Amino acid sequence: MTNTTKKLLQVTDLQIGIPHPRRETLVIVNKASFDVGYGEMVGIVGESGSGKTMVCRSMIGTLERRGAKVLAGQVLFEDQDLAHASETTWKKLRGKAIGYVPQSALAGPNPVLTIGAQLSEALKKSDTKGTIAEQSKALLELVKIRRIDTVMKQYPNQLSGGMRQRVMIACALASNPKLLIADEPTTGLDVTVQAQIMVLLKEIRNEFGTAIILISHDLALIDDVCDRVVVMHAGATVEVGSVSEMTTPRHPYTVALNQSRIDIAVPGSELVTILGNAPSVGQWPTGCRFAGRCTIVQSDCTSGDHPPLFGDRGAHQSACLHADLLKGR
């Protein structure tokens, strides 16, 4: 069950940028805020370039590998601020308390190591009991892989995309993390395998109480498996709420995402798309960054700073000045 009195993870007003020696720092995430409770499954959704992956990289300490860094804000993991943590701190957390399934998981496994060798590498960081071989087989059983003895001797190119994804999830679970971050784990997989991976993630959460952050651009997938949803647009959090609350969105961007879902499209009809294009990363307009695409835009939407999240933290929040105009939509 989800612990609602204390949060495992709290992200507050997070700002991420890419410094340049001769130009102004390019801010790529600005004012991202959300919580993740113990055992909770939270989906982060938004278009490409909205900042989803960069926010998650701040939770595993790999921003610098992309030339980025946290400029402001907090990333509290069990009350420990990781926004400016040292590499020593990250070595104690990454792959141990915090597991990560990268966006490139299908290409993620090392092509020159057998599956058994890769699991052994992941298990060396863990404190679990039993031999490496026993633990490796247990992990493969956990992610529903059959013919375990054969798979342990195989190389990634000998496995299907779904099998490779399961191996990556197994590696991320090697140390029984409190938080598992899955960055678009169904990319490149067919619909049937996507569903299997989602069922697997739900089972892991239910059996071990693992909190999971699921990143996706697919709102239907998020709705199906998550407890709460974080909506990001142009580097900012624009709405946060439970899955049930998101059936009546409080931000026009969430409304547009819902209307453009493929799963509700009428066969043979023209697909609904979101008006216009998202602003270029870091080159955001004054005021609300969705104003140029919004169907309820008002004069005050295009002045001042991007709106903050309105409402009590932990409740349904929206960064829209005129959310009341969305009633009945």
Protein backbone atom coordinates (compact mmCIF):
# COMPACT_ATOMS: atom_id res chain seq x y z
CA MET A 1 0.00 0.00 0.00
CA THR A 2 1.09 3.55 -0.67
CA ASN A 3 2.40 5.49 2.31
CA THR A 4 0.64 8.85 2.04
CA THR A 5 2.16 10.43 5.15
CA LYS A 6 5.76 10.48 3.95
CA LYS A 7 7.05 10.73 0.43
CA LEU A 8 9.88 8.66 -0.98
CA LEU A 9 10.76 11.32 -3.54
CA GLN A 10 10.00 15.04 -3.64
CA VAL A 11 10.98 17.16 -6.64
CA THR A 12 10.51 20.89 -6.03
CA ASP A 13 10.98 23.75 -8.51
CA LEU A 14 13.69 21.79 -10.31
CA GLN A 15 15.67 23.74 -12.90
CA ILE A 16 18.15 22.03 -15.23
CA GLY A 17 20.42 23.74 -17.74
CA ILE A 18 23.33 23.23 -20.10
CA PRO A 19 26.11 25.74 -19.33
CA HIS A 20 28.19 27.21 -22.16
CA PRO A 21 31.51 29.05 -21.68
CA ARG A 22 30.65 31.82 -24.17
CA ARG A 23 26.86 31.91 -24.20
CA GLU A 24 24.07 32.12 -21.67
CA THR A 25 23.14 28.84 -19.99
CA LEU A 26 20.44 27.00 -21.93
CA VAL A 27 17.67 26.19 -19.45
CA ILE A 28 15.96 22.96 -20.54
CA VAL A 29 13.80 22.23 -17.48
CA ASN A 30 12.28 24.97 -15.37
CA LYS A 31 9.99 24.57 -12.36
CA ALA A 32 9.39 20.81 -12.39
CA SER A 33 7.59 19.71 -9.22
CA PHE A 34 5.98 16.44 -8.10
CA ASP A 35 6.08 13.74 -5.39
CA VAL A 36 6.31 9.95 -5.41
CA GLY A 37 5.04 8.02 -2.41
CA TYR A 38 6.36 4.69 -1.15
CA GLY A 39 5.03 1.91 -3.39
CA GLU A 40 3.35 4.41 -5.70
CA MET A 41 3.37 4.22 -9.50
CA VAL A 42 3.61 7.67 -11.07
CA GLY A 43 3.52 8.39 -14.78
CA ILE A 44 5.31 11.34 -16.36
CA VAL A 45 3.81 12.22 -19.72
CA GLY A 46 4.46 14.87 -22.36
CA GLU A 47 5.65 15.44 -25.91
CA SER A 48 9.26 14.89 -26.98
CA GLY A 49 11.43 17.71 -25.63
CA SER A 50 9.20 18.40 -22.64
CA GLY A 51 12.01 17.54 -20.21
CA LYS A 52 10.82 14.13 -18.97
CA THR A 53 14.11 12.28 -19.46
CA MET A 54 16.26 15.11 -18.09
CA VAL A 55 14.18 15.23 -14.92
CA CYS A 56 14.75 11.50 -14.45
CA ARG A 57 18.47 11.83 -15.11
CA SER A 58 18.56 14.25 -12.18
CA MET A 59 17.29 11.38 -10.01
CA ILE A 60 20.14 9.05 -10.98
CA GLY A 61 22.96 11.57 -11.18
CA THR A 62 23.79 11.28 -14.89
CA LEU A 63 23.05 14.83 -16.05
CA GLU A 64 26.72 15.71 -16.40
CA ARG A 65 27.17 12.92 -18.94
CA ARG A 66 24.89 15.01 -21.18
CA GLY A 67 26.63 18.28 -20.34
CA ALA A 68 23.76 19.38 -18.09
CA LYS A 69 23.43 20.18 -14.40
CA VAL A 70 20.88 21.16 -11.79
CA LEU A 71 20.71 24.94 -11.57
CA ALA A 72 18.11 25.28 -8.81
CA GLY A 73 15.47 23.40 -6.85
CA GLN A 74 15.46 20.20 -4.83
CA VAL A 75 15.40 16.46 -5.49
CA LEU A 76 14.75 14.88 -2.09
CA PHE A 77 15.07 11.09 -1.87
CA GLU A 78 14.13 9.95 1.62
CA ASP A 79 14.86 13.53 2.77
CA GLN A 80 18.36 13.49 1.24
CA ASP A 81 18.83 16.28 -1.31
CA LEU A 82 20.34 14.84 -4.49
CA ALA A 83 20.23 18.03 -6.56
CA HIS A 84 23.96 18.64 -6.02
CA ALA A 85 25.04 15.25 -4.65
CA SER A 86 28.62 14.04 -5.08
CA GLU A 87 29.56 11.04 -7.20
CA THR A 88 30.34 9.20 -3.96
CA THR A 89 26.73 9.64 -2.89
CA TRP A 90 25.44 8.54 -6.28
CA LYS A 91 27.52 5.35 -6.17
CA LYS A 92 25.69 4.42 -2.97
CA LEU A 93 22.27 5.04 -4.53
CA ARG A 94 22.42 4.46 -8.29
CA GLY A 95 21.69 0.83 -9.11
CA LYS A 96 21.00 0.13 -5.44
CA ALA A 97 18.25 2.24 -3.84
CA ILE A 98 17.31 3.67 -7.24
CA GLY A 99 17.04 1.39 -10.29
CA TYR A 100 16.91 2.69 -13.86
CA VAL A 101 15.65 1.20 -17.11
CA PRO A 102 16.98 3.55 -19.83
CA GLN A 103 15.11 4.76 -22.87
CA SER A 104 17.49 2.81 -25.11
CA ALA A 105 16.84 -0.45 -23.26
CA LEU A 106 16.56 -2.49 -26.47
CA ALA A 107 20.12 -1.47 -27.33
CA GLY A 108 21.12 -1.26 -23.65
CA PRO A 109 22.50 -4.73 -22.97
CA ASN A 110 26.22 -5.04 -23.61
CA PRO A 111 26.48 -6.91 -26.95
CA VAL A 112 29.73 -8.70 -26.05
CA LEU A 113 28.59 -10.12 -22.70
CA THR A 114 26.22 -13.02 -22.12
CA ILE A 115 23.02 -12.35 -20.19
CA GLY A 116 24.43 -14.29 -17.25
CA ALA A 117 27.55 -12.11 -17.19
CA GLN A 118 25.51 -8.91 -17.29
CA LEU A 119 23.29 -10.03 -14.43
CA SER A 120 26.40 -10.99 -12.44
CA GLU A 121 27.76 -7.49 -12.96
CA ALA A 122 24.53 -5.94 -11.66
CA LEU A 123 24.38 -8.31 -8.68
CA LYS A 124 27.89 -7.46 -7.51
CA LYS A 125 26.43 -4.17 -6.21
CA SER A 126 23.68 -5.90 -4.25
CA ASP A 127 23.54 -7.18 -0.69
CA THR A 128 21.15 -10.04 -1.46
CA LYS A 129 21.93 -13.56 -0.26
CA GLY A 130 22.80 -16.63 -2.33
CA THR A 131 25.30 -17.29 -5.08
CA ILE A 132 25.45 -15.03 -8.13
CA ALA A 133 24.12 -17.86 -10.30
CA GLU A 134 21.17 -18.46 -7.96
CA GLN A 135 20.36 -14.78 -7.78
CA SER A 136 20.62 -14.39 -11.57
CA LYS A 137 18.17 -17.21 -12.16
CA ALA A 138 15.82 -15.76 -9.54
CA LEU A 139 15.83 -12.40 -11.32
CA LEU A 140 15.06 -14.00 -14.67
CA GLU A 141 12.22 -15.94 -13.07
CA LEU A 142 10.94 -12.68 -11.58
CA VAL A 143 10.67 -11.04 -15.02
CA LYS A 144 8.93 -14.12 -16.45
CA ILE A 145 11.75 -15.39 -18.68
CA ARG A 146 11.60 -19.09 -19.58
CA ARG A 147 14.42 -21.47 -20.54
CA ILE A 148 16.58 -19.67 -18.00
CA ASP A 149 19.68 -21.88 -18.34
CA THR A 150 19.71 -21.29 -22.09
CA VAL A 151 19.09 -17.53 -21.82
CA MET A 152 21.92 -17.14 -19.29
CA LYS A 153 24.39 -18.34 -21.95
CA GLN A 154 22.97 -16.23 -24.78
CA TYR A 155 24.03 -12.82 -26.06
CA PRO A 156 21.58 -9.90 -26.47
CA ASN A 157 21.39 -10.26 -30.27
CA GLN A 158 19.99 -13.76 -29.76
CA LEU A 159 16.99 -12.42 -27.82
CA SER A 160 13.80 -10.72 -28.97
CA GLY A 161 13.14 -7.08 -28.12
CA GLY A 162 10.74 -8.05 -25.35
CA MET A 163 13.27 -10.47 -23.84
CA ARG A 164 16.03 -7.83 -23.88
CA GLN A 165 13.67 -5.40 -22.16
CA ARG A 166 12.94 -7.97 -19.45
CA VAL A 167 16.68 -8.51 -18.96
CA MET A 168 17.18 -4.75 -18.49
CA ILE A 169 14.37 -4.68 -15.93
CA ALA A 170 15.96 -7.66 -14.15
CA CYS A 171 19.31 -5.82 -13.97
CA ALA A 172 17.56 -2.72 -12.56
CA LEU A 173 15.91 -4.87 -9.86
CA ALA A 174 19.13 -6.65 -8.83
CA SER A 175 19.51 -4.67 -5.61
CA ASN A 176 15.79 -4.57 -4.76
CA PRO A 177 15.56 -0.76 -5.19
CA LYS A 178 12.99 1.37 -3.40
CA LEU A 179 12.46 3.37 -6.61
CA LEU A 180 12.51 2.08 -10.19
CA ILE A 181 12.62 4.60 -13.04
CA ALA A 182 11.46 3.25 -16.41
CA ASP A 183 12.10 5.67 -19.27
CA GLU A 184 9.69 4.74 -22.08
CA PRO A 185 10.24 0.99 -21.51
CA THR A 186 7.88 -0.08 -24.31
CA THR A 187 9.53 1.88 -27.13
CA GLY A 188 10.02 -0.30 -30.22
CA LEU A 189 7.92 -3.17 -28.90
CA ASP A 190 4.71 -4.45 -30.45
CA VAL A 191 1.39 -3.91 -28.69
CA THR A 192 1.21 -7.40 -27.18
CA VAL A 193 4.72 -7.19 -25.69
CA GLN A 194 4.03 -3.64 -24.45
CA ALA A 195 1.06 -4.97 -22.48
CA GLN A 196 3.18 -7.77 -21.02
CA ILE A 197 5.85 -5.32 -19.85
CA MET A 198 3.20 -3.13 -18.20
CA VAL A 199 1.71 -6.14 -16.40
CA LEU A 200 5.21 -7.08 -15.23
CA LEU A 201 5.83 -3.59 -13.80
CA LYS A 202 2.51 -3.67 -11.94
CA GLU A 203 3.34 -7.10 -10.50
CA ILE A 204 6.75 -5.86 -9.32
CA ARG A 205 5.12 -2.91 -7.58
CA ASN A 206 2.45 -5.05 -5.96
CA GLU A 207 4.77 -7.85 -4.84
CA PHE A 208 7.75 -5.85 -3.58
CA GLY A 209 6.24 -2.43 -2.83
CA THR A 210 8.66 -0.83 -5.31
CA ALA A 211 7.79 2.74 -6.22
CA ILE A 212 7.90 3.21 -9.99
CA ILE A 213 8.22 6.28 -12.20
CA LEU A 214 7.03 5.47 -15.71
CA ILE A 215 7.94 7.94 -18.45
CA SER A 216 5.89 7.88 -21.61
CA HIS A 217 4.29 9.99 -24.33
CA ASP A 218 1.36 7.55 -24.31
CA LEU A 219 -1.35 8.87 -21.98
CA ALA A 220 -3.51 5.76 -22.47
CA LEU A 221 -0.69 3.54 -21.20
CA ILE A 222 -0.10 5.83 -18.21
CA ASP A 223 -3.83 5.81 -17.34
CA ASP A 224 -3.91 2.02 -17.41
CA VAL A 225 -1.12 1.29 -14.93
CA CYS A 226 -0.36 4.37 -12.82
CA ASP A 227 -1.82 5.85 -9.63
CA ARG A 228 -1.00 9.46 -10.46
CA VAL A 229 0.05 11.45 -13.51
CA VAL A 230 2.57 14.27 -13.95
CA VAL A 231 2.10 16.24 -17.17
CA MET A 232 5.08 18.16 -18.53
CA HIS A 233 5.19 20.74 -21.31
CA ALA A 234 8.15 22.87 -22.44
CA GLY A 235 10.30 22.05 -19.43
CA ALA A 236 7.64 22.67 -16.77
CA THR A 237 5.13 20.64 -14.80
CA VAL A 238 1.70 21.86 -15.92
CA GLU A 239 -0.61 19.42 -14.14
CA VAL A 240 -0.41 16.78 -11.39
CA GLY A 241 -3.25 14.57 -10.25
CA SER A 242 -4.59 11.07 -9.77
CA VAL A 243 -5.59 9.04 -12.82
CA SER A 244 -9.26 9.56 -11.93
CA GLU A 245 -8.77 13.31 -11.56
CA MET A 246 -7.19 13.47 -15.00
CA THR A 247 -10.53 12.45 -16.55
CA THR A 248 -11.47 16.09 -15.92
CA PRO A 249 -8.19 17.89 -16.77
CA ARG A 250 -7.42 21.29 -15.30
CA HIS A 251 -4.90 22.36 -17.96
CA PRO A 252 -5.61 22.86 -21.69
CA TYR A 253 -2.47 20.94 -22.64
CA THR A 254 -3.75 17.86 -20.80
CA VAL A 255 -7.09 18.32 -22.56
CA ALA A 256 -5.27 18.39 -25.91
CA LEU A 257 -3.25 15.28 -25.02
CA ASN A 258 -6.44 13.43 -24.12
CA GLN A 259 -8.19 14.47 -27.34
CA SER A 260 -5.25 13.30 -29.48
CA ARG A 261 -5.08 9.80 -27.99
CA ILE A 262 -4.98 7.10 -30.64
CA ASP A 263 -6.97 4.67 -28.50
CA ILE A 264 -10.08 6.88 -28.71
CA ALA A 265 -9.75 7.68 -32.43
CA VAL A 266 -12.66 6.70 -34.67
CA PRO A 267 -11.50 4.22 -37.33
CA GLY A 268 -11.34 5.87 -40.74
CA SER A 269 -11.55 9.41 -39.36
CA GLU A 270 -8.81 12.01 -39.29
CA LEU A 271 -6.58 11.86 -36.23
CA VAL A 272 -6.85 14.78 -33.81
CA THR A 273 -3.55 16.59 -33.24
CA ILE A 274 -2.44 19.32 -30.84
CA LEU A 275 -2.44 22.76 -32.44
CA GLY A 276 0.92 24.25 -33.39
CA ASN A 277 4.33 23.17 -32.14
CA ALA A 278 5.95 23.21 -28.73
CA PRO A 279 8.38 26.13 -28.26
CA SER A 280 12.06 25.38 -28.85
CA VAL A 281 13.89 24.08 -25.79
CA GLY A 282 15.04 27.01 -23.66
CA GLN A 283 13.56 29.57 -26.05
CA TRP A 284 10.28 29.94 -24.25
CA PRO A 285 7.86 32.82 -24.76
CA THR A 286 6.80 35.24 -22.02
CA GLY A 287 4.00 33.99 -19.85
CA CYS A 288 2.41 30.56 -20.29
CA ARG A 289 4.44 28.43 -22.69
CA PHE A 290 1.29 26.78 -24.01
CA ALA A 291 -0.48 30.07 -24.77
CA GLY A 292 0.37 29.99 -28.49
CA ARG A 293 -1.40 26.63 -28.86
CA CYS A 294 -4.21 27.14 -26.37
CA THR A 295 -7.92 27.33 -27.22
CA ILE A 296 -8.85 29.31 -24.08
CA VAL A 297 -5.93 31.78 -24.06
CA GLN A 298 -6.62 35.16 -22.40
CA SER A 299 -4.69 38.44 -22.50
CA ASP A 300 -2.95 37.82 -19.16
CA CYS A 301 -1.63 34.42 -20.33
CA THR A 302 1.10 36.01 -22.46
CA SER A 303 2.72 38.26 -19.84
CA GLY A 304 4.88 37.69 -16.79
CA ASP A 305 6.39 34.35 -15.80
CA HIS A 306 5.13 30.88 -16.63
CA PRO A 307 2.32 30.13 -14.13
CA PRO A 308 3.20 28.02 -11.08
CA LEU A 309 1.23 24.95 -10.02
CA PHE A 310 -1.92 26.14 -8.27
CA GLY A 311 -3.50 24.06 -5.50
CA ASP A 312 -2.30 22.09 -2.50
CA ARG A 313 0.64 19.78 -3.05
CA GLY A 314 -0.58 16.20 -3.14
CA ALA A 315 -3.94 17.26 -4.53
CA HIS A 316 -4.99 18.00 -8.12
CA GLN A 317 -2.73 20.84 -9.26
CA SER A 318 -2.67 22.84 -12.49
CA ALA A 319 -0.46 25.61 -13.89
CA CYS A 320 -3.33 27.31 -15.74
CA LEU A 321 -4.59 30.80 -14.91
CA HIS A 322 -8.02 30.05 -16.34
CA ALA A 323 -8.63 26.38 -15.48
CA ASP A 324 -12.25 27.19 -14.62
CA LEU A 325 -12.93 27.77 -18.34
CA LEU A 326 -12.24 24.06 -18.93
CA LYS A 327 -15.24 22.85 -16.92
CA GLY A 328 -17.40 20.54 -18.99
CA ARG A 329 -14.72 19.93 -21.63
